[in-house]
N, C-alpha and C. Protein backbone atom coordinates (compact mmCIF):
# COMPACT_ATOMS: atom_id res chain seq x y z
N MET A 1 76.53 55.52 149.50
CA MET A 1 77.72 54.92 149.86
C MET A 1 77.80 53.47 149.30
N HIS A 2 78.91 53.12 148.67
CA HIS A 2 79.10 51.71 148.28
C HIS A 2 79.60 50.93 149.42
N LYS A 3 80.30 49.86 149.17
CA LYS A 3 80.67 48.96 150.24
C LYS A 3 81.88 49.37 151.09
N THR A 4 82.27 50.63 151.04
CA THR A 4 83.37 51.00 151.92
C THR A 4 83.02 50.74 153.33
N VAL A 5 83.78 50.00 154.04
CA VAL A 5 83.55 49.70 155.44
C VAL A 5 84.00 50.86 156.27
N LYS A 6 83.19 51.31 157.15
CA LYS A 6 83.45 52.56 157.89
C LYS A 6 84.29 52.41 159.17
N GLY A 7 84.93 51.30 159.40
CA GLY A 7 85.68 51.32 160.58
C GLY A 7 84.97 50.50 161.67
N ARG A 8 85.80 49.72 162.40
CA ARG A 8 85.15 48.74 163.34
C ARG A 8 84.44 49.44 164.49
N GLU A 9 84.86 50.72 164.89
CA GLU A 9 84.17 51.29 165.95
C GLU A 9 82.74 51.73 165.60
N MET A 10 82.57 52.08 164.34
CA MET A 10 81.24 52.48 163.82
C MET A 10 80.34 51.24 163.72
N ILE A 11 80.88 50.20 163.24
CA ILE A 11 80.08 48.90 163.10
C ILE A 11 79.66 48.33 164.50
N ARG A 12 80.57 48.43 165.43
CA ARG A 12 80.35 47.93 166.74
C ARG A 12 79.66 48.89 167.61
N HIS A 13 79.15 50.04 167.04
CA HIS A 13 78.33 51.04 167.73
C HIS A 13 79.15 51.70 168.90
N ARG A 14 80.37 51.90 168.61
CA ARG A 14 81.25 52.66 169.56
C ARG A 14 81.13 54.14 169.21
N PRO A 15 81.64 55.01 170.02
CA PRO A 15 81.55 56.42 169.76
C PRO A 15 82.15 56.78 168.45
N TYR A 16 81.49 57.62 167.60
CA TYR A 16 81.98 58.05 166.36
C TYR A 16 83.01 59.26 166.67
N THR A 17 84.18 58.99 166.12
CA THR A 17 85.27 60.06 166.13
C THR A 17 85.72 60.32 164.76
N GLN A 18 86.63 61.24 164.65
CA GLN A 18 87.23 61.63 163.34
C GLN A 18 88.04 60.45 162.83
N LYS A 19 88.41 59.49 163.66
CA LYS A 19 89.24 58.32 163.25
C LYS A 19 88.45 57.47 162.31
N VAL A 20 87.12 57.49 162.36
CA VAL A 20 86.32 56.74 161.38
C VAL A 20 86.51 57.35 160.01
N ASP A 21 86.49 58.69 159.95
CA ASP A 21 86.72 59.40 158.71
C ASP A 21 88.14 59.27 158.13
N VAL A 22 89.08 59.14 159.00
CA VAL A 22 90.50 58.90 158.64
C VAL A 22 90.59 57.50 157.99
N TYR A 23 89.91 56.49 158.53
CA TYR A 23 89.87 55.19 157.89
C TYR A 23 89.25 55.28 156.59
N SER A 24 88.07 55.94 156.43
CA SER A 24 87.51 56.07 155.14
C SER A 24 88.39 56.81 154.10
N PHE A 25 89.11 57.83 154.57
CA PHE A 25 89.98 58.53 153.69
C PHE A 25 91.05 57.51 153.12
N GLY A 26 91.56 56.66 153.95
CA GLY A 26 92.58 55.68 153.50
C GLY A 26 91.99 54.77 152.42
N ILE A 27 90.69 54.39 152.55
CA ILE A 27 90.08 53.52 151.56
C ILE A 27 89.85 54.34 150.34
N VAL A 28 89.37 55.57 150.38
CA VAL A 28 89.16 56.37 149.22
C VAL A 28 90.43 56.63 148.51
N LEU A 29 91.51 56.81 149.23
CA LEU A 29 92.86 57.03 148.56
C LEU A 29 93.24 55.80 147.89
N TRP A 30 92.96 54.58 148.33
CA TRP A 30 93.27 53.33 147.68
C TRP A 30 92.38 53.23 146.39
N GLU A 31 91.14 53.68 146.46
CA GLU A 31 90.28 53.66 145.28
C GLU A 31 90.77 54.61 144.23
N LEU A 32 91.29 55.79 144.58
CA LEU A 32 91.86 56.69 143.60
C LEU A 32 93.12 56.16 142.99
N ILE A 33 93.95 55.52 143.74
CA ILE A 33 95.18 54.90 143.21
C ILE A 33 94.97 53.79 142.27
N THR A 34 93.99 52.91 142.67
CA THR A 34 93.74 51.66 141.90
C THR A 34 92.73 51.84 140.87
N GLY A 35 91.74 52.74 141.00
CA GLY A 35 90.61 52.80 140.19
C GLY A 35 89.62 51.72 140.42
N MET A 36 89.73 50.98 141.48
CA MET A 36 88.84 49.78 141.78
C MET A 36 88.09 50.05 143.03
N LEU A 37 87.09 49.25 143.20
CA LEU A 37 86.25 49.30 144.42
C LEU A 37 86.80 48.22 145.32
N PRO A 38 86.96 48.50 146.62
CA PRO A 38 87.41 47.54 147.60
C PRO A 38 86.41 46.45 147.84
N PHE A 39 86.84 45.27 148.18
CA PHE A 39 85.94 44.20 148.64
C PHE A 39 84.86 43.88 147.66
N GLN A 40 85.07 44.02 146.36
CA GLN A 40 84.06 43.92 145.32
C GLN A 40 83.50 42.52 145.19
N ASN A 41 84.18 41.50 145.68
CA ASN A 41 83.75 40.20 145.61
C ASN A 41 82.96 39.72 146.87
N MET A 42 82.63 40.75 147.71
CA MET A 42 81.96 40.45 148.90
C MET A 42 80.70 41.41 149.03
N THR A 43 79.76 40.83 149.77
CA THR A 43 78.66 41.79 150.12
C THR A 43 79.13 42.71 151.18
N ALA A 44 78.32 43.70 151.52
CA ALA A 44 78.65 44.68 152.56
C ALA A 44 78.82 44.06 153.93
N VAL A 45 78.01 43.05 154.22
CA VAL A 45 78.11 42.34 155.50
C VAL A 45 79.39 41.47 155.56
N GLN A 46 79.70 40.77 154.44
CA GLN A 46 80.94 39.99 154.35
C GLN A 46 82.11 40.93 154.51
N ALA A 47 82.20 42.07 153.85
CA ALA A 47 83.29 42.97 153.92
C ALA A 47 83.49 43.48 155.32
N ALA A 48 82.34 43.91 155.98
CA ALA A 48 82.43 44.38 157.29
C ALA A 48 82.98 43.29 158.21
N PHE A 49 82.55 42.01 158.07
CA PHE A 49 83.04 40.92 158.88
C PHE A 49 84.57 40.74 158.66
N ALA A 50 84.91 40.70 157.43
CA ALA A 50 86.38 40.47 157.00
C ALA A 50 87.20 41.55 157.64
N VAL A 51 86.76 42.78 157.61
CA VAL A 51 87.59 43.92 158.09
C VAL A 51 87.68 43.86 159.60
N ILE A 52 86.58 43.61 160.32
CA ILE A 52 86.54 43.63 161.77
C ILE A 52 87.18 42.36 162.32
N ASN A 53 86.76 41.19 161.87
CA ASN A 53 87.20 39.96 162.52
C ASN A 53 88.47 39.41 161.89
N LYS A 54 88.76 39.68 160.69
CA LYS A 54 89.96 39.10 160.07
C LYS A 54 91.04 40.11 159.74
N GLY A 55 90.76 41.38 159.90
CA GLY A 55 91.77 42.36 159.64
C GLY A 55 92.06 42.56 158.15
N ILE A 56 91.16 42.17 157.28
CA ILE A 56 91.34 42.28 155.83
C ILE A 56 91.40 43.75 155.46
N ARG A 57 92.32 43.99 154.52
CA ARG A 57 92.41 45.34 153.98
C ARG A 57 92.70 45.15 152.42
N PRO A 58 92.36 46.22 151.66
CA PRO A 58 92.59 46.07 150.21
C PRO A 58 94.14 45.88 149.98
N ILE A 59 94.42 45.18 148.89
CA ILE A 59 95.85 44.94 148.53
C ILE A 59 96.39 46.22 147.87
N ILE A 60 97.53 46.65 148.33
CA ILE A 60 98.17 47.83 147.77
C ILE A 60 99.05 47.39 146.60
N PRO A 61 98.86 48.02 145.47
CA PRO A 61 99.64 47.66 144.25
C PRO A 61 101.19 47.88 144.54
N SER A 62 101.95 46.96 143.94
CA SER A 62 103.39 46.94 144.16
C SER A 62 104.05 48.23 143.67
N ASP A 63 103.41 48.91 142.64
CA ASP A 63 104.07 50.10 142.06
C ASP A 63 103.50 51.34 142.74
N CYS A 64 102.81 51.22 143.91
CA CYS A 64 102.27 52.41 144.62
C CYS A 64 103.48 53.16 145.28
N LEU A 65 103.43 54.42 145.22
CA LEU A 65 104.43 55.32 145.92
C LEU A 65 104.44 54.82 147.36
N PRO A 66 105.61 54.57 148.00
CA PRO A 66 105.68 54.17 149.36
C PRO A 66 105.05 55.19 150.35
N VAL A 67 105.16 56.48 150.01
CA VAL A 67 104.53 57.45 150.93
C VAL A 67 103.03 57.33 150.93
N LEU A 68 102.38 57.01 149.71
CA LEU A 68 100.95 56.81 149.63
C LEU A 68 100.53 55.50 150.36
N SER A 69 101.33 54.48 150.18
CA SER A 69 101.14 53.20 150.82
C SER A 69 101.14 53.41 152.34
N ASP A 70 102.13 54.19 152.82
CA ASP A 70 102.18 54.49 154.28
C ASP A 70 100.98 55.18 154.79
N VAL A 71 100.54 56.22 154.02
CA VAL A 71 99.33 56.97 154.40
C VAL A 71 98.14 56.03 154.49
N MET A 72 97.87 55.24 153.49
CA MET A 72 96.73 54.27 153.52
C MET A 72 96.74 53.38 154.68
N THR A 73 97.92 52.71 154.87
CA THR A 73 97.94 51.62 155.93
C THR A 73 97.85 52.27 157.28
N ARG A 74 98.34 53.51 157.42
CA ARG A 74 98.22 54.18 158.81
C ARG A 74 96.77 54.60 159.04
N CYS A 75 96.15 54.97 157.94
CA CYS A 75 94.70 55.47 158.05
C CYS A 75 93.77 54.31 158.29
N TRP A 76 94.07 53.14 157.86
CA TRP A 76 93.16 52.04 158.05
C TRP A 76 93.59 51.05 159.14
N ASP A 77 94.46 51.50 160.08
CA ASP A 77 94.96 50.69 161.16
C ASP A 77 93.77 50.17 161.97
N ALA A 78 93.76 48.95 162.38
CA ALA A 78 92.62 48.41 163.17
C ALA A 78 92.37 49.13 164.45
N ASN A 79 93.35 49.75 164.98
CA ASN A 79 93.23 50.47 166.30
C ASN A 79 93.01 51.89 165.90
N PRO A 80 91.86 52.50 166.15
CA PRO A 80 91.60 53.89 165.87
C PRO A 80 92.55 54.86 166.52
N ASP A 81 93.02 54.53 167.68
CA ASP A 81 93.95 55.40 168.40
C ASP A 81 95.27 55.61 167.72
N VAL A 82 95.63 54.54 166.86
CA VAL A 82 96.89 54.60 166.20
C VAL A 82 96.78 55.33 164.86
N ARG A 83 95.63 55.48 164.27
CA ARG A 83 95.34 56.22 163.13
C ARG A 83 95.78 57.66 163.25
N PRO A 84 96.44 58.27 162.22
CA PRO A 84 96.90 59.63 162.41
C PRO A 84 95.63 60.55 162.39
N PRO A 85 95.78 61.74 163.03
CA PRO A 85 94.74 62.76 162.85
C PRO A 85 94.87 63.36 161.48
N PHE A 86 93.85 63.96 160.98
CA PHE A 86 93.88 64.55 159.64
C PHE A 86 95.00 65.56 159.38
N MET A 87 95.33 66.28 160.46
CA MET A 87 96.46 67.24 160.32
C MET A 87 97.75 66.60 159.97
N GLU A 88 97.96 65.34 160.53
CA GLU A 88 99.12 64.59 160.20
C GLU A 88 99.07 64.05 158.80
N VAL A 89 97.91 63.60 158.45
CA VAL A 89 97.74 63.03 157.08
C VAL A 89 97.98 64.16 156.07
N VAL A 90 97.49 65.30 156.25
CA VAL A 90 97.73 66.46 155.40
C VAL A 90 99.29 66.73 155.39
N ARG A 91 99.83 66.73 156.52
CA ARG A 91 101.37 66.98 156.58
C ARG A 91 102.12 65.93 155.77
N MET A 92 101.72 64.72 155.97
CA MET A 92 102.38 63.62 155.14
C MET A 92 102.28 63.90 153.67
N LEU A 93 101.13 64.25 153.23
CA LEU A 93 100.90 64.49 151.77
C LEU A 93 101.57 65.67 151.34
N GLU A 94 101.60 66.71 152.13
CA GLU A 94 102.25 67.97 151.72
C GLU A 94 103.79 67.68 151.61
N ASN A 95 104.33 66.93 152.61
CA ASN A 95 105.80 66.66 152.51
C ASN A 95 106.13 65.75 151.29
N ALA A 96 105.16 65.03 150.85
CA ALA A 96 105.50 64.16 149.61
C ALA A 96 104.90 64.74 148.38
N GLU A 97 104.44 66.08 148.37
CA GLU A 97 103.78 66.67 147.25
C GLU A 97 104.62 66.60 146.01
N THR A 98 105.93 66.97 146.07
CA THR A 98 106.83 67.00 144.88
C THR A 98 106.88 65.59 144.34
N GLU A 99 107.19 64.59 145.15
CA GLU A 99 107.27 63.23 144.68
C GLU A 99 105.97 62.76 144.05
N ILE A 100 104.86 63.10 144.65
CA ILE A 100 103.57 62.71 144.11
C ILE A 100 103.39 63.38 142.77
N MET A 101 103.58 64.70 142.74
CA MET A 101 103.24 65.46 141.51
C MET A 101 104.18 65.10 140.32
N THR A 102 105.39 64.77 140.59
CA THR A 102 106.32 64.39 139.52
C THR A 102 106.05 62.90 139.03
N THR A 103 105.42 62.16 139.90
CA THR A 103 105.13 60.73 139.54
C THR A 103 103.73 60.54 139.06
N VAL A 104 102.89 61.47 139.26
CA VAL A 104 101.49 61.19 138.99
C VAL A 104 101.17 60.82 137.56
N ARG A 105 101.93 61.34 136.63
CA ARG A 105 101.59 60.99 135.28
C ARG A 105 101.91 59.53 134.95
N LYS A 106 102.81 58.92 135.69
CA LYS A 106 103.17 57.54 135.60
C LYS A 106 102.43 56.64 136.58
N ALA A 107 101.85 57.30 137.62
CA ALA A 107 101.20 56.54 138.66
C ALA A 107 99.92 55.91 138.17
N ARG A 108 99.25 55.13 139.07
CA ARG A 108 98.12 54.27 138.72
C ARG A 108 96.86 55.05 139.02
N PHE A 109 96.87 56.37 139.23
CA PHE A 109 95.64 57.03 139.53
C PHE A 109 94.64 56.87 138.37
N ARG A 110 93.42 56.52 138.75
CA ARG A 110 92.44 56.23 137.68
C ARG A 110 91.14 57.09 138.00
N CYS A 111 91.33 58.21 138.77
CA CYS A 111 90.14 58.86 139.31
C CYS A 111 89.32 59.45 138.25
N CYS A 112 89.79 59.67 137.06
CA CYS A 112 88.93 60.33 135.96
C CYS A 112 88.26 59.25 135.09
N MET A 113 88.39 57.96 135.40
CA MET A 113 87.75 56.97 134.61
C MET A 113 86.17 57.03 134.78
N SER A 114 85.48 56.69 133.75
CA SER A 114 84.06 56.73 133.87
C SER A 114 83.48 55.50 134.68
N GLN A 115 84.09 54.45 134.55
CA GLN A 115 83.68 53.19 135.26
C GLN A 115 84.77 52.68 136.14
N PRO A 116 84.52 52.33 137.44
CA PRO A 116 85.60 51.67 138.21
C PRO A 116 86.00 50.37 137.62
N ARG A 117 87.32 50.10 137.79
CA ARG A 117 87.82 48.84 137.21
C ARG A 117 87.42 47.68 138.18
N THR A 118 87.50 46.47 137.68
CA THR A 118 87.32 45.33 138.53
C THR A 118 88.54 44.54 138.58
N MET A 119 88.59 43.60 139.41
CA MET A 119 89.79 42.74 139.61
C MET A 119 90.03 41.83 138.44
N GLU A 120 88.94 41.52 137.68
CA GLU A 120 89.08 40.58 136.46
C GLU A 120 89.89 41.30 135.43
């Protein structure tokens, strides 16, 4: 695992629920859309501190599809109880499938790149 922060409940040793995985899914979706690694200018400890204590999240590109932006931000909500269950995430993506599939050629997906991009 690289520096993906697993959610504040995991770091604070609170009970592990599926909501930690929902948070991680939102981060992985961001990585697929941007082709970058989150929090790359921070150590793992700095990233965890920033996420937990400052509410820092990766910056969503301005040309990101709104439906994907919504999925990401809902998945990485600071309150695990507000994060959607995976069934709802799947439903959101299924409802947006046509929009995603017709836009994917023009979208910023970089998942097939050999090396992750950097902010520089």
